[in-house]
Amino acid sequence: MVSLTALAGVFLAGVVVGFWLLVAVCAASERDPGRDP
Protein backbone atom coordinates (compact mmCIF):
# COMPACT_ATOMS: atom_id res chain seq x y z
CA MET A 1 0.00 0.00 0.00
CA VAL A 2 1.27 3.46 -0.89
CA SER A 3 1.76 5.69 2.11
CA LEU A 4 -0.30 8.85 2.39
CA THR A 5 2.83 10.97 2.73
CA ALA A 6 4.26 9.66 -0.54
CA LEU A 7 0.92 10.19 -2.27
CA ALA A 8 0.72 13.77 -0.99
CA GLY A 9 4.30 14.42 -2.11
CA VAL A 10 3.58 13.18 -5.63
CA PHE A 11 0.37 15.22 -5.77
CA LEU A 12 2.10 18.41 -4.59
CA ALA A 13 4.93 17.87 -7.08
CA GLY A 14 2.38 17.51 -9.88
CA VAL A 15 0.60 20.70 -8.83
CA VAL A 16 3.86 22.66 -8.71
CA VAL A 17 5.01 21.35 -12.10
CA GLY A 18 1.61 22.05 -13.65
CA PHE A 19 1.55 25.57 -12.20
CA TRP A 20 4.98 26.48 -13.57
CA LEU A 21 4.09 24.90 -16.92
CA LEU A 22 1.01 27.14 -17.09
CA VAL A 23 3.09 30.20 -16.15
CA ALA A 24 5.62 29.35 -18.88
CA VAL A 25 2.86 28.96 -21.49
CA CYS A 26 1.26 32.27 -20.50
CA ALA A 27 4.64 34.06 -20.61
CA ALA A 28 5.40 32.58 -24.04
CA SER A 29 2.00 33.65 -25.43
CA GLU A 30 2.44 37.18 -24.08
CA ARG A 31 5.94 37.38 -25.54
CA ASP A 32 4.58 36.32 -28.96
CA PRO A 33 1.12 37.91 -29.24
CA GLY A 34 0.82 37.26 -32.99
CA ARG A 35 0.55 33.50 -32.55
CA ASP A 36 -2.80 31.89 -31.72
CA PRO A 37 -2.73 29.44 -28.77
C-alpha atoms as a PDB file:
ATOM      1  CA  MET A   1       0.000   0.000   0.000  1.00  0.00           C
ATOM      2  CA  VAL A   2       1.269   3.459  -0.894  1.00  0.00           C
ATOM      3  CA  SER A   3       1.764   5.694   2.112  1.00  0.00           C
ATOM      4  CA  LEU A   4      -0.304   8.847   2.390  1.00  0.00           C
ATOM      5  CA  THR A   5       2.833  10.974   2.728  1.00  0.00           C
ATOM      6  CA  ALA A   6       4.258   9.661  -0.539  1.00  0.00           C
ATOM      7  CA  LEU A   7       0.924  10.191  -2.270  1.00  0.00           C
ATOM      8  CA  ALA A   8       0.717  13.774  -0.991  1.00  0.00           C
ATOM      9  CA  GLY A   9       4.303  14.418  -2.111  1.00  0.00           C
ATOM     10  CA  VAL A  10       3.577  13.183  -5.627  1.00  0.00           C
ATOM     11  CA  PHE A  11       0.370  15.222  -5.767  1.00  0.00           C
ATOM     12  CA  LEU A  12       2.103  18.414  -4.594  1.00  0.00           C
ATOM     13  CA  ALA A  13       4.932  17.869  -7.084  1.00  0.00           C
ATOM     14  CA  GLY A  14       2.382  17.507  -9.881  1.00  0.00           C
ATOM     15  CA  VAL A  15       0.596  20.698  -8.826  1.00  0.00           C
ATOM     16  CA  VAL A  16       3.863  22.663  -8.710  1.00  0.00           C
ATOM     17  CA  VAL A  17       5.011  21.353 -12.100  1.00  0.00           C
ATOM     18  CA  GLY A  18       1.613  22.048 -13.651  1.00  0.00           C
ATOM     19  CA  PHE A  19       1.552  25.566 -12.203  1.00  0.00           C
ATOM     20  CA  TRP A  20       4.977  26.479 -13.567  1.00  0.00           C
ATOM     21  CA  LEU A  21       4.094  24.903 -16.921  1.00  0.00           C
ATOM     22  CA  LEU A  22       1.008  27.137 -17.090  1.00  0.00           C
ATOM     23  CA  VAL A  23       3.087  30.200 -16.155  1.00  0.00           C
ATOM     24  CA  ALA A  24       5.619  29.355 -18.876  1.00  0.00           C
ATOM     25  CA  VAL A  25       2.859  28.960 -21.490  1.00  0.00           C
ATOM     26  CA  CYS A  26       1.263  32.274 -20.497  1.00  0.00           C
ATOM     27  CA  ALA A  27       4.638  34.056 -20.607  1.00  0.00           C
ATOM     28  CA  ALA A  28       5.397  32.581 -24.038  1.00  0.00           C
ATOM     29  CA  SER A  29       2.005  33.645 -25.426  1.00  0.00           C
ATOM     30  CA  GLU A  30       2.443  37.185 -24.080  1.00  0.00           C
ATOM     31  CA  ARG A  31       5.938  37.375 -25.542  1.00  0.00           C
ATOM     32  CA  ASP A  32       4.584  36.318 -28.957  1.00  0.00           C
ATOM     33  CA  PRO A  33       1.120  37.914 -29.243  1.00  0.00           C
ATOM     34  CA  GLY A  34       0.818  37.258 -32.992  1.00  0.00           C
ATOM     35  CA  ARG A  35       0.547  33.498 -32.549  1.00  0.00           C
ATOM     36  CA  ASP A  36      -2.797  31.887 -31.718  1.00  0.00           C
ATOM     37  CA  PRO A  37      -2.731  29.441 -28.774  1.00  0.00           C
END
